[in-house]
Amino acid sequence: MTAHDYIVRASAAKGSIRAFAAETTRMTEYARQIHNTSPVATAALGRCLTAGAMMGVGMKGEKDLLTIRIAGDGPLKGITVTANAKGFVKGFVDEPLVLIPANAKGKLDVGGAIGRGSLSVIKDLGMKEPYTGRVDLQSGEIADDLTWYFAVSEQIPSSVALGVLMQQDNHVKAAGGFLIQLMPFAEEAHIAALEETLQSLPSVTSLLEQGLTPEDILQEILGDMDLEILEKTETGFHCDCSAARIERALLSLGKTQLESLIDEEKPVEVKCHFCGRQYQFSKTDLLRLIREGTTAEK
């Protein structure tokens, strides 16, 4: 295991194949700690964080943002992950303490925890309106669902693999994944060779357990196709919440709602869903916000 989590971006077959691979062990363990997630919730969130990180660094604009939202009818209910183009992500699950039996293979049943529902990808690219793509969940295992999303919503043939390996003490032993995408000009010979390799490739958790790095994983898949590592980006869990952001959210409630909060004669506590940080606002703080809001309207 390396000293930090990172993502590699690569190309192969004369640029006709685009590839990403990531190690996200520390990120996933940090998310487990701050959200106190059960093993199956950790696996689901870790997979989604890994996917978000790889998809995020694939965006072109420095200020671009991407959100993955999974909504299901299973006990986990949903997952929300937001990523930026610099490799940083944040996320949470709706029900972090879910406990369900293992699946038929004896593995953590992420699909069962999520159930049936939808996967949405929202991209804020600095336009007037964000781009939103939505597909029905295929298995709830996340990697399958993202593969389907890329095919249907972005018309990009892709292979997504995501894995989180847990220790017996419920800490994260390893986490990571890869994303392989075919460009429109990919040759049939390269497509056939890639499909054959992917079919015989061990699970991504097996590769991680063997200690393979992101570079090693891409070498296993694309080593015979002139693999070229283009970029290595550090990744991690980072929440950009702040008291100023929460104040802006409170201001958006309007004067009447803020006054009703003041009438309750107790501090207002706001908890960030993404990182669990708590912010407290006293009666004096709320009165100040009302003054600031009134001044801004003039």
C-alpha atoms as a PDB file:
ATOM      1  CA  MET A   1       0.000   0.000   0.000  1.00  0.00           C
ATOM      2  CA  THR A   2       1.350   3.416  -0.947  1.00  0.00           C
ATOM      3  CA  ALA A   3       1.736   6.427   1.326  1.00  0.00           C
ATOM      4  CA  HIS A   4      -1.366   8.119  -0.091  1.00  0.00           C
ATOM      5  CA  ASP A   5      -4.344   7.441  -2.329  1.00  0.00           C
ATOM      6  CA  TYR A   6      -3.994   8.370  -5.982  1.00  0.00           C
ATOM      7  CA  ILE A   7      -5.460   8.026  -9.457  1.00  0.00           C
ATOM      8  CA  VAL A   8      -3.576   7.370 -12.674  1.00  0.00           C
ATOM      9  CA  ARG A   9      -4.919   8.508 -16.032  1.00  0.00           C
ATOM     10  CA  ALA A  10      -3.647   6.631 -19.053  1.00  0.00           C
ATOM     11  CA  SER A  11      -4.212   5.879 -22.721  1.00  0.00           C
ATOM     12  CA  ALA A  12      -3.549   2.853 -24.903  1.00  0.00           C
ATOM     13  CA  ALA A  13      -3.912   1.610 -28.482  1.00  0.00           C
ATOM     14  CA  LYS A  14      -2.818   4.919 -30.037  1.00  0.00           C
ATOM     15  CA  GLY A  15      -5.201   6.926 -27.871  1.00  0.00           C
ATOM     16  CA  SER A  16      -8.267   4.877 -28.787  1.00  0.00           C
ATOM     17  CA  ILE A  17      -8.588   3.599 -25.212  1.00  0.00           C
ATOM     18  CA  ARG A  18      -8.870   5.908 -22.214  1.00  0.00           C
ATOM     19  CA  ALA A  19      -8.175   4.460 -18.779  1.00  0.00           C
ATOM     20  CA  PHE A  20      -8.212   5.393 -15.108  1.00  0.00           C
ATOM     21  CA  ALA A  21      -7.223   3.351 -12.080  1.00  0.00           C
ATOM     22  CA  ALA A  22      -7.259   4.349  -8.434  1.00  0.00           C
ATOM     23  CA  GLU A  23      -6.206   3.301  -4.975  1.00  0.00           C
ATOM     24  CA  THR A  24      -8.653   4.728  -2.429  1.00  0.00           C
ATOM     25  CA  THR A  25      -8.008   2.768   0.760  1.00  0.00           C
ATOM     26  CA  ARG A  26      -7.392   5.746   3.040  1.00  0.00           C
ATOM     27  CA  MET A  27     -10.264   7.744   1.588  1.00  0.00           C
ATOM     28  CA  THR A  28     -12.687   4.882   2.191  1.00  0.00           C
ATOM     29  CA  GLU A  29     -11.415   4.226   5.714  1.00  0.00           C
ATOM     30  CA  TYR A  30     -11.741   7.945   6.545  1.00  0.00           C
ATOM     31  CA  ALA A  31     -15.325   7.929   5.252  1.00  0.00           C
ATOM     32  CA  ARG A  32     -16.041   4.828   7.362  1.00  0.00           C
ATOM     33  CA  GLN A  33     -14.753   6.569  10.480  1.00  0.00           C
ATOM     34  CA  ILE A  34     -16.594   9.872  10.102  1.00  0.00           C
ATOM     35  CA  HIS A  35     -19.892   8.239   9.112  1.00  0.00           C
ATOM     36  CA  ASN A  36     -19.552   5.166  11.372  1.00  0.00           C
ATOM     37  CA  THR A  37     -20.715   2.952   8.515  1.00  0.00           C
ATOM     38  CA  SER A  38     -21.450  -0.764   8.704  1.00  0.00           C
ATOM     39  CA  PRO A  39     -19.319  -3.048   6.482  1.00  0.00           C
ATOM     40  CA  VAL A  40     -21.850  -3.180   3.621  1.00  0.00           C
ATOM     41  CA  ALA A  41     -22.414   0.592   3.811  1.00  0.00           C
ATOM     42  CA  THR A  42     -18.638   1.125   3.797  1.00  0.00           C
ATOM     43  CA  ALA A  43     -18.315  -1.038   0.690  1.00  0.00           C
ATOM     44  CA  ALA A  44     -21.106   0.828  -1.096  1.00  0.00           C
ATOM     45  CA  LEU A  45     -19.790   4.270  -0.182  1.00  0.00           C
ATOM     46  CA  GLY A  46     -16.172   3.328  -0.954  1.00  0.00           C
ATOM     47  CA  ARG A  47     -17.104   2.074  -4.406  1.00  0.00           C
ATOM     48  CA  CYS A  48     -19.030   5.245  -5.153  1.00  0.00           C
ATOM     49  CA  LEU A  49     -16.246   7.508  -3.838  1.00  0.00           C
ATOM     50  CA  THR A  50     -13.727   5.659  -6.018  1.00  0.00           C
ATOM     51  CA  ALA A  51     -15.903   6.033  -9.111  1.00  0.00           C
ATOM     52  CA  GLY A  52     -16.523   9.707  -8.382  1.00  0.00           C
ATOM     53  CA  ALA A  53     -12.815  10.400  -7.976  1.00  0.00           C
ATOM     54  CA  MET A  54     -11.936   8.771 -11.316  1.00  0.00           C
ATOM     55  CA  MET A  55     -14.804  10.452 -13.148  1.00  0.00           C
ATOM     56  CA  GLY A  56     -13.908  13.777 -11.549  1.00  0.00           C
ATOM     57  CA  VAL A  57     -10.323  13.863 -12.770  1.00  0.00           C
ATOM     58  CA  GLY A  58     -11.640  13.061 -16.239  1.00  0.00           C
ATOM     59  CA  MET A  59     -13.427  16.427 -16.396  1.00  0.00           C
ATOM     60  CA  LYS A  60     -11.757  19.243 -18.324  1.00  0.00           C
ATOM     61  CA  GLY A  61     -12.493  22.410 -16.360  1.00  0.00           C
ATOM     62  CA  GLU A  62     -10.721  23.129 -13.071  1.00  0.00           C
ATOM     63  CA  LYS A  63     -14.002  24.239 -11.446  1.00  0.00           C
ATOM     64  CA  ASP A  64     -16.127  21.406 -12.860  1.00  0.00           C
ATOM     65  CA  LEU A  65     -18.111  19.409 -10.317  1.00  0.00           C
ATOM     66  CA  LEU A  66     -19.719  16.005 -10.604  1.00  0.00           C
ATOM     67  CA  THR A  67     -22.316  14.392  -8.355  1.00  0.00           C
ATOM     68  CA  ILE A  68     -23.353  10.740  -8.331  1.00  0.00           C
ATOM     69  CA  ARG A  69     -26.677  10.047  -6.659  1.00  0.00           C
ATOM     70  CA  ILE A  70     -27.966   6.516  -6.193  1.00  0.00           C
ATOM     71  CA  ALA A  71     -31.520   6.099  -4.914  1.00  0.00           C
ATOM     72  CA  GLY A  72     -32.774   2.609  -4.120  1.00  0.00           C
ATOM     73  CA  ASP A  73     -35.599   0.826  -2.337  1.00  0.00           C
ATOM     74  CA  GLY A  74     -33.206  -1.274  -0.242  1.00  0.00           C
ATOM     75  CA  PRO A  75     -32.335  -0.605   3.417  1.00  0.00           C
ATOM     76  CA  LEU A  76     -29.345   1.614   2.482  1.00  0.00           C
ATOM     77  CA  LYS A  77     -31.804   3.922   0.658  1.00  0.00           C
ATOM     78  CA  GLY A  78     -29.204   6.002  -1.170  1.00  0.00           C
ATOM     79  CA  ILE A  79     -25.673   7.285  -1.711  1.00  0.00           C
ATOM     80  CA  THR A  80     -24.504  10.777  -2.635  1.00  0.00           C
ATOM     81  CA  VAL A  81     -20.955  11.522  -3.788  1.00  0.00           C
ATOM     82  CA  THR A  82     -19.572  14.804  -5.118  1.00  0.00           C
ATOM     83  CA  ALA A  83     -16.200  15.059  -6.883  1.00  0.00           C
ATOM     84  CA  ASN A  84     -14.145  17.843  -8.390  1.00  0.00           C
ATOM     85  CA  ALA A  85     -11.605  17.861 -11.195  1.00  0.00           C
ATOM     86  CA  LYS A  86      -8.687  17.943  -8.743  1.00  0.00           C
ATOM     87  CA  GLY A  87      -9.277  14.440  -7.390  1.00  0.00           C
ATOM     88  CA  PHE A  88     -11.116  15.327  -4.189  1.00  0.00           C
ATOM     89  CA  VAL A  89     -14.428  13.743  -3.232  1.00  0.00           C
ATOM     90  CA  LYS A  90     -16.957  13.740  -0.427  1.00  0.00           C
ATOM     91  CA  GLY A  91     -19.971  11.551   0.167  1.00  0.00           C
ATOM     92  CA  PHE A  92     -22.434   9.869   2.480  1.00  0.00           C
ATOM     93  CA  VAL A  93     -24.982   7.064   2.613  1.00  0.00           C
ATOM     94  CA  ASP A  94     -28.535   7.699   3.771  1.00  0.00           C
ATOM     95  CA  GLU A  95     -28.569   4.787   6.254  1.00  0.00           C
ATOM     96  CA  PRO A  96     -25.010   4.129   7.484  1.00  0.00           C
ATOM     97  CA  LEU A  97     -25.782   1.340   9.982  1.00  0.00           C
ATOM     98  CA  VAL A  98     -27.384  -1.153   7.577  1.00  0.00           C
ATOM     99  CA  LEU A  99     -26.678  -4.811   8.366  1.00  0.00           C
ATOM    100  CA  ILE A 100     -27.807  -7.519   5.931  1.00  0.00           C
ATOM    101  CA  PRO A 101     -26.647 -11.105   5.263  1.00  0.00           C
ATOM    102  CA  ALA A 102     -23.870 -11.816   2.765  1.00  0.00           C
ATOM    103  CA  ASN A 103     -24.837 -12.598  -0.824  1.00  0.00           C
ATOM    104  CA  ALA A 104     -24.782 -16.072  -2.418  1.00  0.00           C
ATOM    105  CA  LYS A 105     -21.020 -15.763  -2.989  1.00  0.00           C
ATOM    106  CA  GLY A 106     -20.392 -14.956   0.667  1.00  0.00           C
ATOM    107  CA  LYS A 107     -19.551 -11.335  -0.164  1.00  0.00           C
ATOM    108  CA  LEU A 108     -20.943  -8.075   1.181  1.00  0.00           C
ATOM    109  CA  ASP A 109     -24.315  -7.677  -0.524  1.00  0.00           C
ATOM    110  CA  VAL A 110     -24.107  -4.098  -1.805  1.00  0.00           C
ATOM    111  CA  GLY A 111     -26.750  -4.801  -4.454  1.00  0.00           C
ATOM    112  CA  GLY A 112     -29.147  -6.100  -1.822  1.00  0.00           C
ATOM    113  CA  ALA A 113     -28.503  -3.100   0.412  1.00  0.00           C
ATOM    114  CA  ILE A 114     -29.269  -0.656  -2.409  1.00  0.00           C
ATOM    115  CA  GLY A 115     -32.099  -2.569  -4.076  1.00  0.00           C
ATOM    116  CA  ARG A 116     -33.929  -1.332  -7.168  1.00  0.00           C
ATOM    117  CA  GLY A 117     -33.901   2.314  -8.157  1.00  0.00           C
ATOM    118  CA  SER A 118     -31.911   4.797 -10.195  1.00  0.00           C
ATOM    119  CA  LEU A 119     -28.446   6.231 -10.690  1.00  0.00           C
ATOM    120  CA  SER A 120     -28.038   9.888 -11.627  1.00  0.00           C
ATOM    121  CA  VAL A 121     -24.887  11.750 -12.644  1.00  0.00           C
ATOM    122  CA  ILE A 122     -25.047  15.549 -12.452  1.00  0.00           C
ATOM    123  CA  LYS A 123     -22.221  17.522 -14.051  1.00  0.00           C
ATOM    124  CA  ASP A 124     -21.848  21.215 -13.249  1.00  0.00           C
ATOM    125  CA  LEU A 125     -19.591  22.419 -16.062  1.00  0.00           C
ATOM    126  CA  GLY A 126     -20.112  26.145 -15.569  1.00  0.00           C
ATOM    127  CA  MET A 127     -23.025  26.341 -17.996  1.00  0.00           C
ATOM    128  CA  LYS A 128     -26.425  27.868 -17.217  1.00  0.00           C
ATOM    129  CA  GLU A 129     -27.821  24.454 -16.341  1.00  0.00           C
ATOM    130  CA  PRO A 130     -25.964  21.340 -15.157  1.00  0.00           C
ATOM    131  CA  TYR A 131     -26.016  18.216 -17.316  1.00  0.00           C
ATOM    132  CA  THR A 132     -27.967  15.349 -15.753  1.00  0.00           C
ATOM    133  CA  GLY A 133     -27.978  11.739 -16.914  1.00  0.00           C
ATOM    134  CA  ARG A 134     -30.176   9.130 -15.261  1.00  0.00           C
ATOM    135  CA  VAL A 135     -30.507   5.358 -15.678  1.00  0.00           C
ATOM    136  CA  ASP A 136     -32.299   2.584 -13.841  1.00  0.00           C
ATOM    137  CA  LEU A 137     -30.087   0.463 -11.616  1.00  0.00           C
ATOM    138  CA  GLN A 138     -29.043  -2.812 -13.220  1.00  0.00           C
ATOM    139  CA  SER A 139     -27.752  -4.653 -10.163  1.00  0.00           C
ATOM    140  CA  GLY A 140     -27.135  -2.100  -7.415  1.00  0.00           C
ATOM    141  CA  GLU A 141     -23.502  -3.245  -7.330  1.00  0.00           C
ATOM    142  CA  ILE A 142     -22.511   0.258  -8.603  1.00  0.00           C
ATOM    143  CA  ALA A 143     -19.804  -0.774 -11.101  1.00  0.00           C
ATOM    144  CA  ASP A 144     -22.383  -2.533 -13.322  1.00  0.00           C
ATOM    145  CA  ASP A 145     -24.704   0.430 -13.003  1.00  0.00           C
ATOM    146  CA  LEU A 146     -22.025   2.945 -13.999  1.00  0.00           C
ATOM    147  CA  THR A 147     -21.037   0.778 -16.972  1.00  0.00           C
ATOM    148  CA  TRP A 148     -24.690   0.899 -18.046  1.00  0.00           C
ATOM    149  CA  TYR A 149     -24.848   4.666 -17.415  1.00  0.00           C
ATOM    150  CA  PHE A 150     -21.859   5.340 -19.685  1.00  0.00           C
ATOM    151  CA  ALA A 151     -23.334   3.174 -22.448  1.00  0.00           C
ATOM    152  CA  VAL A 152     -26.840   4.647 -22.326  1.00  0.00           C
ATOM    153  CA  SER A 153     -26.389   8.236 -21.177  1.00  0.00           C
ATOM    154  CA  GLU A 154     -22.984   9.154 -22.649  1.00  0.00           C
ATOM    155  CA  GLN A 155     -22.775   6.554 -25.449  1.00  0.00           C
ATOM    156  CA  ILE A 156     -19.273   5.524 -24.359  1.00  0.00           C
ATOM    157  CA  PRO A 157     -18.535   1.779 -24.225  1.00  0.00           C
ATOM    158  CA  SER A 158     -16.918   1.344 -20.806  1.00  0.00           C
ATOM    159  CA  SER A 159     -15.811  -1.192 -18.252  1.00  0.00           C
ATOM    160  CA  VAL A 160     -16.005  -0.170 -14.599  1.00  0.00           C
ATOM    161  CA  ALA A 161     -14.628  -2.234 -11.718  1.00  0.00           C
ATOM    162  CA  LEU A 162     -14.803  -1.117  -8.086  1.00  0.00           C
ATOM    163  CA  GLY A 163     -13.808  -2.932  -4.922  1.00  0.00           C
ATOM    164  CA  VAL A 164     -13.603  -2.489  -1.159  1.00  0.00           C
ATOM    165  CA  LEU A 165     -11.928  -5.170   0.943  1.00  0.00           C
ATOM    166  CA  MET A 166     -12.801  -5.186   4.658  1.00  0.00           C
ATOM    167  CA  GLN A 167     -10.813  -6.583   7.580  1.00  0.00           C
ATOM    168  CA  GLN A 168     -12.410  -8.642  10.322  1.00  0.00           C
ATOM    169  CA  ASP A 169     -12.290  -5.641  12.664  1.00  0.00           C
ATOM    170  CA  ASN A 170     -14.387  -3.716  10.071  1.00  0.00           C
ATOM    171  CA  HIS A 171     -11.522  -1.449   9.033  1.00  0.00           C
ATOM    172  CA  VAL A 172     -10.831  -1.045   5.326  1.00  0.00           C
ATOM    173  CA  LYS A 173      -7.997  -3.253   4.131  1.00  0.00           C
ATOM    174  CA  ALA A 174      -7.961  -2.063   0.522  1.00  0.00           C
ATOM    175  CA  ALA A 175     -10.129  -0.085  -1.882  1.00  0.00           C
ATOM    176  CA  GLY A 176      -9.833   1.002  -5.482  1.00  0.00           C
ATOM    177  CA  GLY A 177     -10.952   0.350  -9.011  1.00  0.00           C
ATOM    178  CA  PHE A 178     -10.561   1.087 -12.692  1.00  0.00           C
ATOM    179  CA  LEU A 179     -12.473   2.680 -15.559  1.00  0.00           C
ATOM    180  CA  ILE A 180     -11.682   1.704 -19.166  1.00  0.00           C
ATOM    181  CA  GLN A 181     -13.374   3.542 -22.043  1.00  0.00           C
ATOM    182  CA  LEU A 182     -13.329   3.011 -25.800  1.00  0.00           C
ATOM    183  CA  MET A 183     -13.097   5.989 -28.120  1.00  0.00           C
ATOM    184  CA  PRO A 184     -15.163   5.974 -31.359  1.00  0.00           C
ATOM    185  CA  PHE A 185     -12.099   5.228 -33.496  1.00  0.00           C
ATOM    186  CA  ALA A 186     -11.035   2.128 -31.542  1.00  0.00           C
ATOM    187  CA  GLU A 187     -10.096  -0.760 -33.836  1.00  0.00           C
ATOM    188  CA  GLU A 188     -11.991  -4.036 -33.709  1.00  0.00           C
ATOM    189  CA  ALA A 189      -8.813  -5.986 -32.931  1.00  0.00           C
ATOM    190  CA  HIS A 190      -8.152  -3.845 -29.854  1.00  0.00           C
ATOM    191  CA  ILE A 191     -11.783  -4.114 -28.735  1.00  0.00           C
ATOM    192  CA  ALA A 192     -11.702  -7.926 -29.020  1.00  0.00           C
ATOM    193  CA  ALA A 193      -8.384  -8.170 -27.159  1.00  0.00           C
ATOM    194  CA  LEU A 194      -9.659  -5.904 -24.376  1.00  0.00           C
ATOM    195  CA  GLU A 195     -12.877  -7.899 -23.984  1.00  0.00           C
ATOM    196  CA  GLU A 196     -10.911 -11.136 -23.739  1.00  0.00           C
ATOM    197  CA  THR A 197      -8.572  -9.685 -21.103  1.00  0.00           C
ATOM    198  CA  LEU A 198     -11.416  -8.308 -19.006  1.00  0.00           C
ATOM    199  CA  GLN A 199     -13.287 -11.617 -19.082  1.00  0.00           C
ATOM    200  CA  SER A 200     -10.317 -13.484 -17.612  1.00  0.00           C
ATOM    201  CA  LEU A 201      -9.264 -10.761 -15.183  1.00  0.00           C
ATOM    202  CA  PRO A 202      -9.656 -11.566 -11.471  1.00  0.00           C
ATOM    203  CA  SER A 203     -11.996  -9.366  -9.426  1.00  0.00           C
ATOM    204  CA  VAL A 204     -10.646  -5.956  -8.536  1.00  0.00           C
ATOM    205  CA  THR A 205     -10.688  -6.904  -4.827  1.00  0.00           C
ATOM    206  CA  SER A 206      -8.425  -9.868  -5.684  1.00  0.00           C
ATOM    207  CA  LEU A 207      -6.031  -7.558  -7.506  1.00  0.00           C
ATOM    208  CA  LEU A 208      -6.010  -5.130  -4.582  1.00  0.00           C
ATOM    209  CA  GLU A 209      -5.470  -7.958  -2.089  1.00  0.00           C
ATOM    210  CA  GLN A 210      -2.444  -9.058  -4.112  1.00  0.00           C
ATOM    211  CA  GLY A 211      -1.029  -5.576  -3.584  1.00  0.00           C
ATOM    212  CA  LEU A 212      -1.283  -4.380  -7.179  1.00  0.00           C
ATOM    213  CA  THR A 213      -0.956  -0.622  -7.646  1.00  0.00           C
ATOM    214  CA  PRO A 214      -3.158   1.367 -10.053  1.00  0.00           C
ATOM    215  CA  GLU A 215      -0.286   1.231 -12.567  1.00  0.00           C
ATOM    216  CA  ASP A 216      -0.008  -2.539 -12.119  1.00  0.00           C
ATOM    217  CA  ILE A 217      -3.738  -2.992 -12.710  1.00  0.00           C
ATOM    218  CA  LEU A 218      -3.647  -1.014 -15.954  1.00  0.00           C
ATOM    219  CA  GLN A 219      -0.550  -2.960 -16.999  1.00  0.00           C
ATOM    220  CA  GLU A 220      -2.481  -6.198 -16.476  1.00  0.00           C
ATOM    221  CA  ILE A 221      -5.303  -4.942 -18.694  1.00  0.00           C
ATOM    222  CA  LEU A 222      -3.572  -2.812 -21.328  1.00  0.00           C
ATOM    223  CA  GLY A 223       0.092  -3.764 -21.154  1.00  0.00           C
ATOM    224  CA  ASP A 224       0.032  -5.283 -24.653  1.00  0.00           C
ATOM    225  CA  MET A 225      -1.558  -2.177 -26.207  1.00  0.00           C
ATOM    226  CA  ASP A 226       1.177   0.431 -25.802  1.00  0.00           C
ATOM    227  CA  LEU A 227      -0.075   1.606 -22.424  1.00  0.00           C
ATOM    228  CA  GLU A 228       1.003   5.171 -21.615  1.00  0.00           C
ATOM    229  CA  ILE A 229       0.579   6.634 -18.128  1.00  0.00           C
ATOM    230  CA  LEU A 230      -0.334  10.291 -18.683  1.00  0.00           C
ATOM    231  CA  GLU A 231      -0.931  11.656 -15.209  1.00  0.00           C
ATOM    232  CA  LYS A 232      -0.878  10.725 -11.543  1.00  0.00           C
ATOM    233  CA  THR A 233      -3.201  12.666  -9.239  1.00  0.00           C
ATOM    234  CA  GLU A 234      -3.461  12.436  -5.480  1.00  0.00           C
ATOM    235  CA  THR A 235      -7.007  11.810  -4.286  1.00  0.00           C
ATOM    236  CA  GLY A 236      -8.756  11.981  -0.948  1.00  0.00           C
ATOM    237  CA  PHE A 237     -11.900  12.777   1.006  1.00  0.00           C
ATOM    238  CA  HIS A 238     -12.291  16.535   1.322  1.00  0.00           C
ATOM    239  CA  CYS A 239     -15.359  18.466   2.449  1.00  0.00           C
ATOM    240  CA  ASP A 240     -15.482  22.186   1.705  1.00  0.00           C
ATOM    241  CA  CYS A 241     -18.284  23.045   4.113  1.00  0.00           C
ATOM    242  CA  SER A 242     -17.805  26.168   6.248  1.00  0.00           C
ATOM    243  CA  ALA A 243     -19.699  28.445   8.618  1.00  0.00           C
ATOM    244  CA  ALA A 244     -20.007  31.000   5.803  1.00  0.00           C
ATOM    245  CA  ARG A 245     -21.662  28.431   3.516  1.00  0.00           C
ATOM    246  CA  ILE A 246     -24.106  27.394   6.226  1.00  0.00           C
ATOM    247  CA  GLU A 247     -24.914  31.059   6.877  1.00  0.00           C
ATOM    248  CA  ARG A 248     -25.761  31.539   3.199  1.00  0.00           C
ATOM    249  CA  ALA A 249     -28.065  28.531   3.392  1.00  0.00           C
ATOM    250  CA  LEU A 250     -29.782  29.960   6.477  1.00  0.00           C
ATOM    251  CA  LEU A 251     -30.141  33.339   4.762  1.00  0.00           C
ATOM    252  CA  SER A 252     -31.933  31.630   1.902  1.00  0.00           C
ATOM    253  CA  LEU A 253     -34.687  30.593   4.354  1.00  0.00           C
ATOM    254  CA  GLY A 254     -35.855  34.210   4.500  1.00  0.00           C
ATOM    255  CA  LYS A 255     -36.571  36.632   7.325  1.00  0.00           C
ATOM    256  CA  THR A 256     -39.833  35.019   8.484  1.00  0.00           C
ATOM    257  CA  GLN A 257     -38.333  31.557   8.875  1.00  0.00           C
ATOM    258  CA  LEU A 258     -35.263  32.916  10.679  1.00  0.00           C
ATOM    259  CA  GLU A 259     -37.505  34.847  13.085  1.00  0.00           C
ATOM    260  CA  SER A 260     -39.449  31.666  13.869  1.00  0.00           C
ATOM    261  CA  LEU A 261     -36.133  29.937  14.674  1.00  0.00           C
ATOM    262  CA  ILE A 262     -35.278  32.799  17.043  1.00  0.00           C
ATOM    263  CA  ASP A 263     -38.680  32.439  18.747  1.00  0.00           C
ATOM    264  CA  GLU A 264     -37.804  28.866  19.682  1.00  0.00           C
ATOM    265  CA  GLU A 265     -35.257  30.326  22.135  1.00  0.00           C
ATOM    266  CA  LYS A 266     -32.546  27.754  21.486  1.00  0.00           C
ATOM    267  CA  PRO A 267     -29.413  27.626  19.347  1.00  0.00           C
ATOM    268  CA  VAL A 268     -29.780  26.327  15.802  1.00  0.00           C
ATOM    269  CA  GLU A 269     -27.558  23.330  15.046  1.00  0.00           C
ATOM    270  CA  VAL A 270     -26.727  22.391  11.463  1.00  0.00           C
ATOM    271  CA  LYS A 271     -24.837  19.196  10.612  1.00  0.00           C
ATOM    272  CA  CYS A 272     -23.011  18.707   7.318  1.00  0.00           C
ATOM    273  CA  HIS A 273     -24.231  15.485   5.661  1.00  0.00           C
ATOM    274  CA  PHE A 274     -20.898  14.963   3.921  1.00  0.00           C
ATOM    275  CA  CYS A 275     -18.439  15.173   6.820  1.00  0.00           C
ATOM    276  CA  GLY A 276     -20.550  15.257   9.981  1.00  0.00           C
ATOM    277  CA  ARG A 277     -19.182  18.617  11.133  1.00  0.00           C
ATOM    278  CA  GLN A 278     -21.653  20.541  13.303  1.00  0.00           C
ATOM    279  CA  TYR A 279     -22.253  24.269  13.248  1.00  0.00           C
ATOM    280  CA  GLN A 280     -24.154  26.137  15.961  1.00  0.00           C
ATOM    281  CA  PHE A 281     -25.839  29.514  15.564  1.00  0.00           C
ATOM    282  CA  SER A 282     -27.009  31.525  18.575  1.00  0.00           C
ATOM    283  CA  LYS A 283     -29.882  34.018  18.732  1.00  0.00           C
ATOM    284  CA  THR A 284     -27.307  36.785  18.218  1.00  0.00           C
ATOM    285  CA  ASP A 285     -26.010  35.046  15.069  1.00  0.00           C
ATOM    286  CA  LEU A 286     -29.532  34.727  13.658  1.00  0.00           C
ATOM    287  CA  LEU A 287     -30.332  38.379  14.367  1.00  0.00           C
ATOM    288  CA  ARG A 288     -27.136  39.330  12.547  1.00  0.00           C
ATOM    289  CA  LEU A 289     -28.147  37.224   9.562  1.00  0.00           C
ATOM    290  CA  ILE A 290     -31.550  38.950   9.456  1.00  0.00           C
ATOM    291  CA  ARG A 291     -29.840  42.361   9.505  1.00  0.00           C
ATOM    292  CA  GLU A 292     -27.440  41.282   6.756  1.00  0.00           C
ATOM    293  CA  GLY A 293     -30.301  39.902   4.672  1.00  0.00           C
ATOM    294  CA  THR A 294     -32.363  43.045   5.091  1.00  0.00           C
ATOM    295  CA  THR A 295     -29.375  45.219   4.132  1.00  0.00           C
ATOM    296  CA  ALA A 296     -28.650  43.110   1.051  1.00  0.00           C
ATOM    297  CA  GLU A 297     -32.235  43.525  -0.165  1.00  0.00           C
ATOM    298  CA  LYS A 298     -32.056  47.332  -0.093  1.00  0.00           C
END
